[in-house]
Amino acid sequence: MAMSLSERIKEKLGAAALEIDQPLANRLYVYVPAEQIVAAVRGLYEGLGARFAILTGLESRSGIELLYHFCFDSEGMVVTLKTKVPTAFPEIDSIGPVLSGALWIEREVHDLLGVNFRGHPDMRRLLLSDDWPEGVYPLRRKYKL
C-alpha cells in the first residue's frame, strides 16, 4: 500500500515536523521549528519534489507567523510549512540557498513585517520607498495609517 503524502512528509522531515494537520482533503499544515525551516524546505522541495508557491506572513499575539506554501501538483495538494518567530526579534534563516526564487518574497516580508532573513544576499527594500521610516512595518498590528 502506498504511503500518504502526510506519511511521506513525516518520514522525510522526521523530528522537524512537530505536528501535521489536515483540515481539508487537499490541504496539509506542517508545524516546523524556526531553526529547522531550511531543512524542512529542502525536504519538501528536493526530497519530495514539491513546487514552491509563495511565502506569506502575519503577526499574531504570539509572534510573527511565516507560512511557506508548496504545491504537490500531481496529488492536487497544497502543503504549508508553518513556523513562528518572536515579534521583538523576528529573524529566520533565508531559504534562498535552496530556492533562489524565494529571495524576492523574503524581501517583501522583510519590508512589510520586519522579518530579517539571515543569509539573504540583498535585503534592500522592495516595496516600500527608500524614505519609508526605519522600524515601521505596515502589516504589524500596531501600525496605524
N, C-alpha and C. Protein backbone atom coordinates (compact mmCIF):
# COMPACT_ATOMS: atom_id res chain seq x y z
N MET A 1 0.84 -1.19 0.00
CA MET A 1 0.00 0.00 0.00
C MET A 1 0.88 1.25 0.00
N ALA A 2 0.57 2.21 -0.85
CA ALA A 2 1.37 3.44 -0.97
C ALA A 2 1.16 4.33 0.26
N MET A 3 2.23 5.00 0.65
CA MET A 3 2.14 5.92 1.79
C MET A 3 1.41 7.19 1.38
N SER A 4 0.66 7.75 2.29
CA SER A 4 0.00 9.03 2.03
C SER A 4 1.05 10.13 2.01
N LEU A 5 0.69 11.28 1.46
CA LEU A 5 1.60 12.41 1.43
C LEU A 5 1.99 12.81 2.85
N SER A 6 1.05 12.80 3.75
CA SER A 6 1.33 13.13 5.15
C SER A 6 2.38 12.20 5.73
N GLU A 7 2.25 10.91 5.45
CA GLU A 7 3.23 9.93 5.94
C GLU A 7 4.60 10.14 5.29
N ARG A 8 4.62 10.45 4.00
CA ARG A 8 5.89 10.69 3.31
C ARG A 8 6.59 11.94 3.86
N ILE A 9 5.80 12.97 4.16
CA ILE A 9 6.38 14.19 4.74
C ILE A 9 6.95 13.88 6.12
N LYS A 10 6.20 13.18 6.94
CA LYS A 10 6.67 12.83 8.28
C LYS A 10 7.97 12.02 8.20
N GLU A 11 8.03 11.09 7.27
CA GLU A 11 9.23 10.28 7.09
C GLU A 11 10.41 11.13 6.62
N LYS A 12 10.18 12.05 5.69
CA LYS A 12 11.25 12.87 5.12
C LYS A 12 11.74 13.93 6.12
N LEU A 13 10.83 14.56 6.85
CA LEU A 13 11.20 15.65 7.75
C LEU A 13 11.56 15.17 9.15
N GLY A 14 11.10 14.01 9.54
CA GLY A 14 11.41 13.47 10.85
C GLY A 14 10.98 14.41 11.97
N ALA A 15 11.89 14.66 12.90
CA ALA A 15 11.58 15.48 14.07
C ALA A 15 11.29 16.94 13.73
N ALA A 16 11.68 17.39 12.53
CA ALA A 16 11.39 18.78 12.13
C ALA A 16 9.89 19.00 11.95
N ALA A 17 9.15 17.95 11.68
CA ALA A 17 7.69 18.06 11.56
C ALA A 17 7.09 17.82 12.94
N LEU A 18 6.90 18.91 13.68
CA LEU A 18 6.37 18.79 15.04
C LEU A 18 4.96 18.23 15.06
N GLU A 19 4.17 18.66 14.08
CA GLU A 19 2.77 18.25 14.00
C GLU A 19 2.32 18.41 12.56
N ILE A 20 1.44 17.54 12.11
CA ILE A 20 0.85 17.66 10.79
C ILE A 20 -0.66 17.66 10.95
N ASP A 21 -1.30 18.67 10.35
CA ASP A 21 -2.75 18.82 10.45
C ASP A 21 -3.32 18.83 9.03
N GLN A 22 -4.43 18.15 8.82
CA GLN A 22 -5.08 18.14 7.51
C GLN A 22 -6.53 18.59 7.66
N PRO A 23 -6.77 19.92 7.60
CA PRO A 23 -8.12 20.42 7.80
C PRO A 23 -9.05 20.16 6.62
N LEU A 24 -8.48 20.01 5.42
CA LEU A 24 -9.24 19.73 4.21
C LEU A 24 -8.55 18.61 3.44
N ALA A 25 -9.27 17.99 2.56
CA ALA A 25 -8.71 16.87 1.80
C ALA A 25 -7.48 17.27 0.98
N ASN A 26 -7.42 18.53 0.54
CA ASN A 26 -6.32 18.97 -0.32
C ASN A 26 -5.35 19.94 0.36
N ARG A 27 -5.37 20.01 1.71
CA ARG A 27 -4.51 20.93 2.45
C ARG A 27 -3.83 20.21 3.61
N LEU A 28 -2.53 20.43 3.74
CA LEU A 28 -1.78 19.94 4.90
C LEU A 28 -1.02 21.11 5.52
N TYR A 29 -1.02 21.18 6.84
CA TYR A 29 -0.21 22.15 7.55
C TYR A 29 0.82 21.37 8.36
N VAL A 30 2.08 21.74 8.17
CA VAL A 30 3.17 21.08 8.87
C VAL A 30 3.83 22.12 9.77
N TYR A 31 3.79 21.91 11.07
CA TYR A 31 4.37 22.84 12.03
C TYR A 31 5.83 22.49 12.23
N VAL A 32 6.70 23.50 12.02
CA VAL A 32 8.15 23.29 11.99
C VAL A 32 8.81 24.33 12.90
N PRO A 33 9.80 23.94 13.71
CA PRO A 33 10.54 24.95 14.48
C PRO A 33 11.29 25.88 13.53
N ALA A 34 11.39 27.15 13.88
CA ALA A 34 12.04 28.12 13.00
C ALA A 34 13.46 27.71 12.64
N GLU A 35 14.17 27.10 13.57
CA GLU A 35 15.56 26.73 13.30
C GLU A 35 15.68 25.55 12.33
N GLN A 36 14.55 24.92 12.01
CA GLN A 36 14.54 23.78 11.09
C GLN A 36 13.95 24.12 9.72
N ILE A 37 13.64 25.40 9.47
CA ILE A 37 12.91 25.73 8.24
C ILE A 37 13.68 25.39 6.97
N VAL A 38 14.97 25.65 6.93
CA VAL A 38 15.73 25.36 5.71
C VAL A 38 15.74 23.85 5.44
N ALA A 39 15.96 23.05 6.45
CA ALA A 39 15.94 21.59 6.28
C ALA A 39 14.56 21.11 5.84
N ALA A 40 13.51 21.68 6.39
CA ALA A 40 12.15 21.28 6.03
C ALA A 40 11.85 21.66 4.58
N VAL A 41 12.25 22.86 4.18
CA VAL A 41 12.06 23.30 2.79
C VAL A 41 12.83 22.37 1.85
N ARG A 42 14.06 22.08 2.21
CA ARG A 42 14.88 21.17 1.39
C ARG A 42 14.19 19.80 1.27
N GLY A 43 13.63 19.32 2.36
CA GLY A 43 12.95 18.03 2.34
C GLY A 43 11.76 18.01 1.40
N LEU A 44 10.95 19.08 1.43
CA LEU A 44 9.79 19.13 0.54
C LEU A 44 10.21 19.34 -0.92
N TYR A 45 11.11 20.29 -1.13
CA TYR A 45 11.48 20.67 -2.50
C TYR A 45 12.38 19.63 -3.17
N GLU A 46 13.50 19.35 -2.53
CA GLU A 46 14.46 18.42 -3.13
C GLU A 46 14.08 16.97 -2.88
N GLY A 47 13.59 16.68 -1.69
CA GLY A 47 13.31 15.30 -1.33
C GLY A 47 12.01 14.75 -1.86
N LEU A 48 10.97 15.60 -1.91
CA LEU A 48 9.65 15.11 -2.32
C LEU A 48 9.13 15.75 -3.61
N GLY A 49 9.90 16.67 -4.19
CA GLY A 49 9.53 17.25 -5.47
C GLY A 49 8.42 18.27 -5.44
N ALA A 50 8.21 18.92 -4.31
CA ALA A 50 7.17 19.94 -4.21
C ALA A 50 7.60 21.19 -4.98
N ARG A 51 6.61 21.95 -5.41
CA ARG A 51 6.85 23.23 -6.09
C ARG A 51 6.55 24.35 -5.09
N PHE A 52 7.53 25.26 -4.91
CA PHE A 52 7.32 26.39 -4.01
C PHE A 52 6.35 27.36 -4.67
N ALA A 53 5.31 27.75 -3.93
CA ALA A 53 4.32 28.68 -4.45
C ALA A 53 4.59 30.10 -3.94
N ILE A 54 4.63 30.27 -2.62
CA ILE A 54 4.77 31.62 -2.06
C ILE A 54 5.04 31.50 -0.56
N LEU A 55 5.54 32.56 0.01
CA LEU A 55 5.70 32.72 1.45
C LEU A 55 4.75 33.83 1.88
N THR A 56 3.99 33.59 2.92
CA THR A 56 3.15 34.64 3.49
C THR A 56 3.49 34.78 4.96
N GLY A 57 3.12 35.91 5.52
CA GLY A 57 3.38 36.15 6.93
C GLY A 57 2.29 36.98 7.55
N LEU A 58 2.17 36.86 8.87
CA LEU A 58 1.22 37.67 9.61
C LEU A 58 1.69 37.77 11.05
N GLU A 59 1.28 38.84 11.67
CA GLU A 59 1.61 39.00 13.09
C GLU A 59 0.40 38.58 13.92
N SER A 60 0.63 37.67 14.84
CA SER A 60 -0.42 37.25 15.77
C SER A 60 -0.01 37.74 17.16
N ARG A 61 -0.82 37.46 18.13
CA ARG A 61 -0.48 37.86 19.50
C ARG A 61 0.77 37.16 20.02
N SER A 62 1.09 35.98 19.46
CA SER A 62 2.21 35.21 19.98
C SER A 62 3.49 35.31 19.14
N GLY A 63 3.48 36.12 18.10
CA GLY A 63 4.68 36.28 17.29
C GLY A 63 4.35 36.50 15.83
N ILE A 64 5.36 36.46 14.99
CA ILE A 64 5.15 36.58 13.55
C ILE A 64 5.16 35.18 12.97
N GLU A 65 4.07 34.85 12.35
CA GLU A 65 3.91 33.53 11.74
C GLU A 65 4.34 33.61 10.28
N LEU A 66 5.16 32.65 9.87
CA LEU A 66 5.61 32.56 8.49
C LEU A 66 5.07 31.27 7.91
N LEU A 67 4.44 31.37 6.76
CA LEU A 67 3.81 30.23 6.12
C LEU A 67 4.41 30.04 4.73
N TYR A 68 5.09 28.93 4.56
CA TYR A 68 5.75 28.59 3.31
C TYR A 68 4.85 27.60 2.58
N HIS A 69 4.26 28.04 1.46
CA HIS A 69 3.27 27.24 0.74
C HIS A 69 3.91 26.49 -0.42
N PHE A 70 3.65 25.20 -0.49
CA PHE A 70 4.18 24.33 -1.55
C PHE A 70 3.03 23.58 -2.20
N CYS A 71 3.19 23.31 -3.49
CA CYS A 71 2.18 22.55 -4.23
C CYS A 71 2.74 21.19 -4.62
N PHE A 72 1.90 20.20 -4.44
CA PHE A 72 2.14 18.86 -4.96
C PHE A 72 1.11 18.68 -6.07
N ASP A 73 1.47 19.18 -7.25
CA ASP A 73 0.50 19.28 -8.35
C ASP A 73 -0.11 17.94 -8.74
N SER A 74 0.70 16.89 -8.83
CA SER A 74 0.17 15.60 -9.27
C SER A 74 -0.83 15.02 -8.27
N GLU A 75 -0.77 15.48 -7.03
CA GLU A 75 -1.68 14.99 -6.00
C GLU A 75 -2.78 15.99 -5.66
N GLY A 76 -2.71 17.19 -6.28
CA GLY A 76 -3.72 18.21 -6.00
C GLY A 76 -3.69 18.69 -4.56
N MET A 77 -2.49 18.74 -3.98
CA MET A 77 -2.35 19.12 -2.57
C MET A 77 -1.53 20.39 -2.42
N VAL A 78 -1.90 21.20 -1.44
CA VAL A 78 -1.09 22.33 -1.01
C VAL A 78 -0.62 22.01 0.40
N VAL A 79 0.69 22.11 0.59
CA VAL A 79 1.30 21.84 1.90
C VAL A 79 1.92 23.14 2.38
N THR A 80 1.59 23.53 3.59
CA THR A 80 2.12 24.76 4.17
C THR A 80 2.99 24.41 5.37
N LEU A 81 4.24 24.85 5.30
CA LEU A 81 5.13 24.76 6.45
C LEU A 81 4.86 25.99 7.30
N LYS A 82 4.46 25.81 8.55
CA LYS A 82 4.14 26.93 9.44
C LYS A 82 5.19 27.01 10.53
N THR A 83 5.72 28.21 10.70
CA THR A 83 6.68 28.44 11.77
C THR A 83 6.42 29.81 12.36
N LYS A 84 7.09 30.11 13.44
CA LYS A 84 6.86 31.38 14.13
C LYS A 84 8.18 31.93 14.65
N VAL A 85 8.32 33.25 14.57
CA VAL A 85 9.47 33.95 15.15
C VAL A 85 8.94 35.02 16.09
N PRO A 86 9.72 35.39 17.10
CA PRO A 86 9.23 36.40 18.05
C PRO A 86 9.10 37.78 17.41
N THR A 87 8.05 38.48 17.77
CA THR A 87 7.81 39.82 17.22
C THR A 87 8.94 40.77 17.59
N ALA A 88 9.47 40.65 18.78
CA ALA A 88 10.53 41.56 19.24
C ALA A 88 11.84 41.37 18.48
N PHE A 89 12.09 40.18 17.98
CA PHE A 89 13.34 39.90 17.26
C PHE A 89 13.03 38.89 16.14
N PRO A 90 12.32 39.36 15.09
CA PRO A 90 11.87 38.45 14.04
C PRO A 90 13.00 38.11 13.06
N GLU A 91 13.60 36.96 13.26
CA GLU A 91 14.73 36.56 12.42
C GLU A 91 14.65 35.06 12.15
N ILE A 92 14.99 34.69 10.91
CA ILE A 92 14.96 33.29 10.49
C ILE A 92 15.95 33.14 9.35
N ASP A 93 16.44 31.93 9.13
CA ASP A 93 17.35 31.70 8.01
C ASP A 93 16.61 31.84 6.69
N SER A 94 17.28 32.40 5.71
CA SER A 94 16.74 32.51 4.36
C SER A 94 16.68 31.13 3.73
N ILE A 95 15.62 30.89 2.95
CA ILE A 95 15.55 29.65 2.19
C ILE A 95 16.14 29.85 0.79
N GLY A 96 16.68 31.03 0.52
CA GLY A 96 17.28 31.35 -0.76
C GLY A 96 18.34 30.36 -1.23
N PRO A 97 19.20 29.85 -0.35
CA PRO A 97 20.19 28.87 -0.81
C PRO A 97 19.56 27.59 -1.40
N VAL A 98 18.34 27.28 -1.00
CA VAL A 98 17.64 26.11 -1.52
C VAL A 98 16.76 26.51 -2.71
N LEU A 99 16.08 27.64 -2.58
CA LEU A 99 15.14 28.13 -3.58
C LEU A 99 15.42 29.59 -3.89
N SER A 100 16.20 29.85 -4.90
CA SER A 100 16.55 31.24 -5.20
C SER A 100 15.32 32.07 -5.56
N GLY A 101 14.27 31.43 -6.04
CA GLY A 101 13.03 32.14 -6.35
C GLY A 101 12.34 32.73 -5.13
N ALA A 102 12.74 32.33 -3.95
CA ALA A 102 12.13 32.84 -2.72
C ALA A 102 12.75 34.16 -2.27
N LEU A 103 13.85 34.57 -2.89
CA LEU A 103 14.55 35.78 -2.43
C LEU A 103 13.68 37.03 -2.53
N TRP A 104 12.88 37.15 -3.59
CA TRP A 104 12.03 38.34 -3.74
C TRP A 104 10.95 38.39 -2.67
N ILE A 105 10.29 37.26 -2.42
CA ILE A 105 9.21 37.28 -1.43
C ILE A 105 9.77 37.48 -0.03
N GLU A 106 10.97 37.01 0.24
CA GLU A 106 11.58 37.29 1.53
C GLU A 106 11.80 38.79 1.70
N ARG A 107 12.18 39.47 0.63
CA ARG A 107 12.34 40.93 0.70
C ARG A 107 11.00 41.60 0.97
N GLU A 108 9.92 41.11 0.37
CA GLU A 108 8.60 41.68 0.62
C GLU A 108 8.20 41.50 2.08
N VAL A 109 8.40 40.29 2.61
CA VAL A 109 8.05 40.03 4.01
C VAL A 109 8.90 40.89 4.94
N HIS A 110 10.15 41.10 4.57
CA HIS A 110 11.01 41.99 5.36
C HIS A 110 10.45 43.41 5.36
N ASP A 111 10.07 43.92 4.20
CA ASP A 111 9.50 45.26 4.10
C ASP A 111 8.23 45.41 4.94
N LEU A 112 7.34 44.47 4.83
CA LEU A 112 6.00 44.62 5.40
C LEU A 112 5.87 44.17 6.85
N LEU A 113 6.71 43.22 7.28
CA LEU A 113 6.61 42.70 8.65
C LEU A 113 7.89 42.86 9.47
N GLY A 114 8.99 43.22 8.81
CA GLY A 114 10.24 43.43 9.54
C GLY A 114 11.02 42.18 9.85
N VAL A 115 10.74 41.07 9.17
CA VAL A 115 11.47 39.83 9.41
C VAL A 115 12.83 39.91 8.73
N ASN A 116 13.87 39.61 9.48
CA ASN A 116 15.23 39.56 8.92
C ASN A 116 15.52 38.12 8.50
N PHE A 117 15.89 37.95 7.25
CA PHE A 117 16.21 36.62 6.73
C PHE A 117 17.73 36.47 6.69
N ARG A 118 18.26 35.76 7.68
CA ARG A 118 19.71 35.55 7.79
C ARG A 118 20.25 34.86 6.54
N GLY A 119 21.34 35.39 6.03
CA GLY A 119 21.97 34.79 4.85
C GLY A 119 21.39 35.27 3.54
N HIS A 120 20.40 36.14 3.58
CA HIS A 120 19.84 36.70 2.34
C HIS A 120 20.88 37.62 1.72
N PRO A 121 21.14 37.50 0.42
CA PRO A 121 22.21 38.29 -0.18
C PRO A 121 21.88 39.76 -0.44
N ASP A 122 20.59 40.15 -0.34
CA ASP A 122 20.21 41.51 -0.72
C ASP A 122 18.91 41.91 -0.03
N MET A 123 19.00 42.42 1.18
CA MET A 123 17.80 42.78 1.92
C MET A 123 17.35 44.22 1.68
N ARG A 124 17.74 44.79 0.53
CA ARG A 124 17.25 46.14 0.21
C ARG A 124 15.73 46.13 0.14
N ARG A 125 15.15 47.31 0.33
CA ARG A 125 13.70 47.43 0.23
C ARG A 125 13.24 47.05 -1.17
N LEU A 126 12.06 46.49 -1.22
CA LEU A 126 11.49 46.08 -2.50
C LEU A 126 10.18 46.80 -2.78
N LEU A 127 9.32 46.90 -1.78
CA LEU A 127 8.00 47.51 -1.96
C LEU A 127 7.92 48.93 -1.43
N LEU A 128 8.52 49.16 -0.29
CA LEU A 128 8.42 50.46 0.36
C LEU A 128 9.45 51.43 -0.24
N SER A 129 9.11 52.69 -0.22
CA SER A 129 10.03 53.70 -0.77
C SER A 129 11.27 53.83 0.12
N ASP A 130 12.33 54.33 -0.46
CA ASP A 130 13.59 54.47 0.27
C ASP A 130 13.47 55.42 1.45
N ASP A 131 12.51 56.33 1.41
CA ASP A 131 12.36 57.28 2.52
C ASP A 131 11.34 56.80 3.57
N TRP A 132 10.87 55.55 3.45
CA TRP A 132 9.96 54.99 4.45
C TRP A 132 10.70 54.92 5.79
N PRO A 133 10.05 55.27 6.90
CA PRO A 133 10.74 55.28 8.20
C PRO A 133 11.24 53.89 8.61
N GLU A 134 12.45 53.83 9.12
CA GLU A 134 13.03 52.57 9.63
C GLU A 134 12.20 52.08 10.81
N GLY A 135 12.03 50.78 10.89
CA GLY A 135 11.33 50.18 12.02
C GLY A 135 9.82 50.30 11.97
N VAL A 136 9.26 50.80 10.88
CA VAL A 136 7.81 50.91 10.72
C VAL A 136 7.39 49.90 9.66
N TYR A 137 6.52 48.96 10.05
CA TYR A 137 6.14 47.86 9.16
C TYR A 137 4.63 47.85 8.97
N PRO A 138 4.15 48.06 7.76
CA PRO A 138 2.71 48.24 7.51
C PRO A 138 1.82 47.06 7.88
N LEU A 139 2.33 45.86 7.95
CA LEU A 139 1.48 44.72 8.30
C LEU A 139 1.58 44.31 9.78
N ARG A 140 2.25 45.14 10.57
CA ARG A 140 2.30 44.89 12.01
C ARG A 140 1.02 45.39 12.66
N ARG A 141 0.64 44.75 13.74
CA ARG A 141 -0.60 45.08 14.44
C ARG A 141 -0.63 46.53 14.95
N LYS A 142 0.50 47.06 15.36
CA LYS A 142 0.50 48.42 15.93
C LYS A 142 0.62 49.51 14.87
N TYR A 143 0.75 49.15 13.60
CA TYR A 143 0.86 50.14 12.54
C TYR A 143 -0.48 50.86 12.36
N LYS A 144 -0.44 52.17 12.29
CA LYS A 144 -1.63 53.00 12.06
C LYS A 144 -1.37 53.90 10.86
N LEU A 145 -2.37 54.07 10.03
CA LEU A 145 -2.25 54.97 8.88
C LEU A 145 -2.18 56.40 9.31
